[in-house]
Amino acid sequence: EEDTTCLICLEPVEHRLSYDIMVCPACKHAWFHRTCIQTYAIYTGLQGFCCPHCKNVFRFYLEMLSMGIRIPRRGPLLERRRTYPAVNQRHRRCDASECLCPGGREQAENEG
Protein backbone atom coordinates (compact mmCIF):
# COMPACT_ATOMS: atom_id res chain seq x y z
CA GLU A 1 0.00 0.00 0.00
CA GLU A 2 1.03 3.54 -0.71
CA ASP A 3 0.39 6.71 1.24
CA THR A 4 -2.16 8.49 -0.92
CA THR A 5 -3.50 12.02 -0.68
CA CYS A 6 -6.53 13.65 -2.22
CA LEU A 7 -5.29 15.96 -4.98
CA ILE A 8 -7.89 18.55 -4.11
CA CYS A 9 -7.74 18.91 -0.30
CA LEU A 10 -4.31 17.26 0.15
CA GLU A 11 -5.62 15.18 3.06
CA PRO A 12 -4.83 11.43 3.26
CA VAL A 13 -7.18 8.94 1.63
CA GLU A 14 -7.31 5.18 2.00
CA HIS A 15 -5.56 3.45 -0.88
CA ARG A 16 -8.66 1.45 -1.79
CA LEU A 17 -11.80 2.38 -3.60
CA SER A 18 -15.00 2.87 -1.66
CA TYR A 19 -18.10 5.04 -1.86
CA ASP A 20 -16.17 7.98 -0.38
CA ILE A 21 -12.84 7.40 -2.19
CA MET A 22 -12.50 7.70 -5.98
CA VAL A 23 -9.64 7.38 -8.48
CA CYS A 24 -9.17 8.77 -11.97
CA PRO A 25 -9.98 6.00 -14.46
CA ALA A 26 -7.47 7.32 -17.01
CA CYS A 27 -4.23 7.73 -15.02
CA LYS A 28 -5.07 5.70 -11.88
CA HIS A 29 -2.77 8.05 -9.90
CA ALA A 30 -5.25 10.74 -8.86
CA TRP A 31 -7.24 9.87 -5.73
CA PHE A 32 -10.08 11.98 -4.38
CA HIS A 33 -12.61 12.20 -1.60
CA ARG A 34 -16.14 12.12 -3.06
CA THR A 35 -16.98 15.45 -1.41
CA CYS A 36 -13.83 17.07 -2.83
CA ILE A 37 -14.48 15.97 -6.41
CA GLN A 38 -18.11 17.10 -6.13
CA THR A 39 -16.99 20.55 -4.94
CA TYR A 40 -14.41 20.65 -7.76
CA ALA A 41 -17.15 19.80 -10.30
CA ILE A 42 -19.42 22.55 -9.00
CA TYR A 43 -16.69 25.19 -9.29
CA THR A 44 -15.29 24.10 -12.67
CA GLY A 45 -18.57 23.29 -14.42
CA LEU A 46 -18.74 21.14 -17.52
CA GLN A 47 -16.32 23.27 -19.54
CA GLY A 48 -13.44 22.98 -17.06
CA PHE A 49 -14.08 19.54 -15.57
CA CYS A 50 -11.11 17.19 -16.04
CA CYS A 51 -8.73 15.14 -13.94
CA PRO A 52 -6.55 17.58 -11.96
CA HIS A 53 -3.59 15.22 -12.42
CA CYS A 54 -3.60 13.96 -16.03
CA LYS A 55 -6.11 16.47 -17.49
CA ASN A 56 -8.12 13.65 -19.11
CA VAL A 57 -11.60 14.89 -19.95
CA PHE A 58 -13.69 12.15 -21.58
CA ARG A 59 -12.96 9.06 -19.45
CA PHE A 60 -12.83 11.13 -16.28
CA TYR A 61 -16.16 12.79 -17.05
CA LEU A 62 -17.91 9.49 -17.85
CA GLU A 63 -16.61 7.78 -14.71
CA MET A 64 -17.53 10.65 -12.42
CA LEU A 65 -21.01 10.82 -13.96
CA SER A 66 -21.51 7.08 -13.46
CA MET A 67 -20.37 7.46 -9.84
CA GLY A 68 -23.05 10.08 -9.20
CA ILE A 69 -20.99 13.26 -9.33
CA ARG A 70 -23.16 16.18 -10.43
CA ILE A 71 -21.41 18.31 -13.07
CA PRO A 72 -23.23 21.57 -13.90
CA ARG A 73 -23.64 22.42 -17.61
CA ARG A 74 -21.93 25.81 -17.50
CA GLY A 75 -18.49 27.39 -17.41
CA PRO A 76 -16.33 27.85 -14.30
CA LEU A 77 -17.80 29.94 -11.49
CA LEU A 78 -14.83 32.33 -11.49
CA GLU A 79 -15.59 33.36 -15.08
CA ARG A 80 -19.27 33.88 -14.34
CA ARG A 81 -18.67 36.02 -11.27
CA ARG A 82 -15.69 37.84 -12.73
CA THR A 83 -13.94 37.73 -9.37
CA TYR A 84 -10.54 38.19 -10.94
CA PRO A 85 -9.19 41.42 -12.48
CA ALA A 86 -9.35 41.76 -16.24
CA VAL A 87 -6.12 40.66 -17.89
CA ASN A 88 -6.13 43.48 -20.44
CA GLN A 89 -6.38 46.34 -17.91
CA ARG A 90 -3.20 48.19 -17.00
CA HIS A 91 -2.39 49.66 -13.63
CA ARG A 92 -2.04 53.42 -14.23
CA ARG A 93 -0.82 54.80 -10.93
CA CYS A 94 2.45 54.45 -9.01
CA ASP A 95 1.92 52.76 -5.63
CA ALA A 96 5.49 52.92 -4.38
CA SER A 97 5.87 54.40 -0.90
CA GLU A 98 8.25 56.99 -2.39
CA CYS A 99 7.55 57.71 -6.07
CA LEU A 100 10.72 58.60 -7.97
CA CYS A 101 9.03 59.31 -11.31
CA PRO A 102 9.75 62.89 -12.46
CA GLY A 103 6.18 63.18 -13.80
CA GLY A 104 4.60 62.09 -10.50
CA ARG A 105 2.35 59.20 -9.53
CA GLU A 106 -0.26 59.86 -12.21
CA GLN A 107 2.09 59.89 -15.23
CA ALA A 108 1.46 56.90 -17.51
CA GLU A 109 3.10 55.90 -20.75
CA ASN A 110 0.99 55.10 -23.78
CA GLU A 111 2.73 51.74 -24.27
CA GLY A 112 4.99 49.49 -22.26
C-alpha atoms as a PDB file:
ATOM      1  CA  GLU A   1       0.000   0.000   0.000  1.00  0.00           C
ATOM      2  CA  GLU A   2       1.027   3.544  -0.706  1.00  0.00           C
ATOM      3  CA  ASP A   3       0.392   6.714   1.245  1.00  0.00           C
ATOM      4  CA  THR A   4      -2.161   8.488  -0.921  1.00  0.00           C
ATOM      5  CA  THR A   5      -3.502  12.015  -0.681  1.00  0.00           C
ATOM      6  CA  CYS A   6      -6.534  13.654  -2.219  1.00  0.00           C
ATOM      7  CA  LEU A   7      -5.287  15.957  -4.976  1.00  0.00           C
ATOM      8  CA  ILE A   8      -7.887  18.550  -4.106  1.00  0.00           C
ATOM      9  CA  CYS A   9      -7.739  18.914  -0.301  1.00  0.00           C
ATOM     10  CA  LEU A  10      -4.306  17.261   0.151  1.00  0.00           C
ATOM     11  CA  GLU A  11      -5.623  15.176   3.057  1.00  0.00           C
ATOM     12  CA  PRO A  12      -4.829  11.431   3.260  1.00  0.00           C
ATOM     13  CA  VAL A  13      -7.182   8.936   1.627  1.00  0.00           C
ATOM     14  CA  GLU A  14      -7.311   5.183   1.996  1.00  0.00           C
ATOM     15  CA  HIS A  15      -5.563   3.453  -0.885  1.00  0.00           C
ATOM     16  CA  ARG A  16      -8.656   1.451  -1.787  1.00  0.00           C
ATOM     17  CA  LEU A  17     -11.803   2.384  -3.604  1.00  0.00           C
ATOM     18  CA  SER A  18     -15.005   2.873  -1.659  1.00  0.00           C
ATOM     19  CA  TYR A  19     -18.101   5.039  -1.858  1.00  0.00           C
ATOM     20  CA  ASP A  20     -16.167   7.982  -0.379  1.00  0.00           C
ATOM     21  CA  ILE A  21     -12.836   7.400  -2.186  1.00  0.00           C
ATOM     22  CA  MET A  22     -12.497   7.699  -5.976  1.00  0.00           C
ATOM     23  CA  VAL A  23      -9.640   7.385  -8.477  1.00  0.00           C
ATOM     24  CA  CYS A  24      -9.168   8.767 -11.967  1.00  0.00           C
ATOM     25  CA  PRO A  25      -9.980   5.997 -14.463  1.00  0.00           C
ATOM     26  CA  ALA A  26      -7.467   7.320 -17.012  1.00  0.00           C
ATOM     27  CA  CYS A  27      -4.231   7.733 -15.022  1.00  0.00           C
ATOM     28  CA  LYS A  28      -5.066   5.699 -11.880  1.00  0.00           C
ATOM     29  CA  HIS A  29      -2.774   8.053  -9.901  1.00  0.00           C
ATOM     30  CA  ALA A  30      -5.245  10.745  -8.859  1.00  0.00           C
ATOM     31  CA  TRP A  31      -7.242   9.873  -5.730  1.00  0.00           C
ATOM     32  CA  PHE A  32     -10.081  11.982  -4.378  1.00  0.00           C
ATOM     33  CA  HIS A  33     -12.613  12.202  -1.600  1.00  0.00           C
ATOM     34  CA  ARG A  34     -16.137  12.123  -3.059  1.00  0.00           C
ATOM     35  CA  THR A  35     -16.980  15.450  -1.409  1.00  0.00           C
ATOM     36  CA  CYS A  36     -13.827  17.074  -2.828  1.00  0.00           C
ATOM     37  CA  ILE A  37     -14.479  15.968  -6.408  1.00  0.00           C
ATOM     38  CA  GLN A  38     -18.112  17.100  -6.125  1.00  0.00           C
ATOM     39  CA  THR A  39     -16.990  20.553  -4.939  1.00  0.00           C
ATOM     40  CA  TYR A  40     -14.414  20.654  -7.764  1.00  0.00           C
ATOM     41  CA  ALA A  41     -17.155  19.799 -10.299  1.00  0.00           C
ATOM     42  CA  ILE A  42     -19.416  22.552  -8.999  1.00  0.00           C
ATOM     43  CA  TYR A  43     -16.685  25.191  -9.291  1.00  0.00           C
ATOM     44  CA  THR A  44     -15.290  24.103 -12.672  1.00  0.00           C
ATOM     45  CA  GLY A  45     -18.573  23.290 -14.420  1.00  0.00           C
ATOM     46  CA  LEU A  46     -18.735  21.136 -17.521  1.00  0.00           C
ATOM     47  CA  GLN A  47     -16.321  23.271 -19.541  1.00  0.00           C
ATOM     48  CA  GLY A  48     -13.442  22.985 -17.064  1.00  0.00           C
ATOM     49  CA  PHE A  49     -14.081  19.540 -15.566  1.00  0.00           C
ATOM     50  CA  CYS A  50     -11.106  17.195 -16.042  1.00  0.00           C
ATOM     51  CA  CYS A  51      -8.729  15.137 -13.937  1.00  0.00           C
ATOM     52  CA  PRO A  52      -6.553  17.584 -11.964  1.00  0.00           C
ATOM     53  CA  HIS A  53      -3.594  15.220 -12.419  1.00  0.00           C
ATOM     54  CA  CYS A  54      -3.600  13.955 -16.028  1.00  0.00           C
ATOM     55  CA  LYS A  55      -6.114  16.469 -17.490  1.00  0.00           C
ATOM     56  CA  ASN A  56      -8.119  13.649 -19.111  1.00  0.00           C
ATOM     57  CA  VAL A  57     -11.601  14.886 -19.953  1.00  0.00           C
ATOM     58  CA  PHE A  58     -13.690  12.151 -21.577  1.00  0.00           C
ATOM     59  CA  ARG A  59     -12.957   9.055 -19.452  1.00  0.00           C
ATOM     60  CA  PHE A  60     -12.831  11.129 -16.276  1.00  0.00           C
ATOM     61  CA  TYR A  61     -16.163  12.793 -17.048  1.00  0.00           C
ATOM     62  CA  LEU A  62     -17.911   9.494 -17.851  1.00  0.00           C
ATOM     63  CA  GLU A  63     -16.610   7.779 -14.714  1.00  0.00           C
ATOM     64  CA  MET A  64     -17.531  10.646 -12.415  1.00  0.00           C
ATOM     65  CA  LEU A  65     -21.013  10.819 -13.963  1.00  0.00           C
ATOM     66  CA  SER A  66     -21.511   7.083 -13.456  1.00  0.00           C
ATOM     67  CA  MET A  67     -20.370   7.456  -9.839  1.00  0.00           C
ATOM     68  CA  GLY A  68     -23.052  10.075  -9.195  1.00  0.00           C
ATOM     69  CA  ILE A  69     -20.992  13.264  -9.326  1.00  0.00           C
ATOM     70  CA  ARG A  70     -23.164  16.181 -10.434  1.00  0.00           C
ATOM     71  CA  ILE A  71     -21.415  18.309 -13.075  1.00  0.00           C
ATOM     72  CA  PRO A  72     -23.227  21.575 -13.904  1.00  0.00           C
ATOM     73  CA  ARG A  73     -23.637  22.418 -17.609  1.00  0.00           C
ATOM     74  CA  ARG A  74     -21.927  25.809 -17.499  1.00  0.00           C
ATOM     75  CA  GLY A  75     -18.490  27.393 -17.406  1.00  0.00           C
ATOM     76  CA  PRO A  76     -16.334  27.852 -14.304  1.00  0.00           C
ATOM     77  CA  LEU A  77     -17.802  29.944 -11.487  1.00  0.00           C
ATOM     78  CA  LEU A  78     -14.832  32.330 -11.495  1.00  0.00           C
ATOM     79  CA  GLU A  79     -15.587  33.355 -15.078  1.00  0.00           C
ATOM     80  CA  ARG A  80     -19.271  33.876 -14.336  1.00  0.00           C
ATOM     81  CA  ARG A  81     -18.675  36.015 -11.266  1.00  0.00           C
ATOM     82  CA  ARG A  82     -15.685  37.837 -12.727  1.00  0.00           C
ATOM     83  CA  THR A  83     -13.942  37.726  -9.374  1.00  0.00           C
ATOM     84  CA  TYR A  84     -10.538  38.190 -10.938  1.00  0.00           C
ATOM     85  CA  PRO A  85      -9.190  41.420 -12.476  1.00  0.00           C
ATOM     86  CA  ALA A  86      -9.348  41.756 -16.238  1.00  0.00           C
ATOM     87  CA  VAL A  87      -6.120  40.661 -17.893  1.00  0.00           C
ATOM     88  CA  ASN A  88      -6.131  43.476 -20.441  1.00  0.00           C
ATOM     89  CA  GLN A  89      -6.377  46.339 -17.908  1.00  0.00           C
ATOM     90  CA  ARG A  90      -3.198  48.194 -16.998  1.00  0.00           C
ATOM     91  CA  HIS A  91      -2.394  49.663 -13.629  1.00  0.00           C
ATOM     92  CA  ARG A  92      -2.039  53.419 -14.231  1.00  0.00           C
ATOM     93  CA  ARG A  93      -0.822  54.800 -10.929  1.00  0.00           C
ATOM     94  CA  CYS A  94       2.453  54.446  -9.009  1.00  0.00           C
ATOM     95  CA  ASP A  95       1.918  52.763  -5.633  1.00  0.00           C
ATOM     96  CA  ALA A  96       5.494  52.923  -4.381  1.00  0.00           C
ATOM     97  CA  SER A  97       5.868  54.397  -0.904  1.00  0.00           C
ATOM     98  CA  GLU A  98       8.247  56.992  -2.388  1.00  0.00           C
ATOM     99  CA  CYS A  99       7.546  57.713  -6.066  1.00  0.00           C
ATOM    100  CA  LEU A 100      10.717  58.602  -7.973  1.00  0.00           C
ATOM    101  CA  CYS A 101       9.032  59.309 -11.314  1.00  0.00           C
ATOM    102  CA  PRO A 102       9.751  62.885 -12.456  1.00  0.00           C
ATOM    103  CA  GLY A 103       6.181  63.181 -13.797  1.00  0.00           C
ATOM    104  CA  GLY A 104       4.595  62.087 -10.499  1.00  0.00           C
ATOM    105  CA  ARG A 105       2.352  59.197  -9.527  1.00  0.00           C
ATOM    106  CA  GLU A 106      -0.258  59.857 -12.213  1.00  0.00           C
ATOM    107  CA  GLN A 107       2.093  59.892 -15.233  1.00  0.00           C
ATOM    108  CA  ALA A 108       1.462  56.904 -17.508  1.00  0.00           C
ATOM    109  CA  GLU A 109       3.100  55.896 -20.749  1.00  0.00           C
ATOM    110  CA  ASN A 110       0.987  55.103 -23.781  1.00  0.00           C
ATOM    111  CA  GLU A 111       2.729  51.742 -24.274  1.00  0.00           C
ATOM    112  CA  GLY A 112       4.995  49.493 -22.256  1.00  0.00           C
END
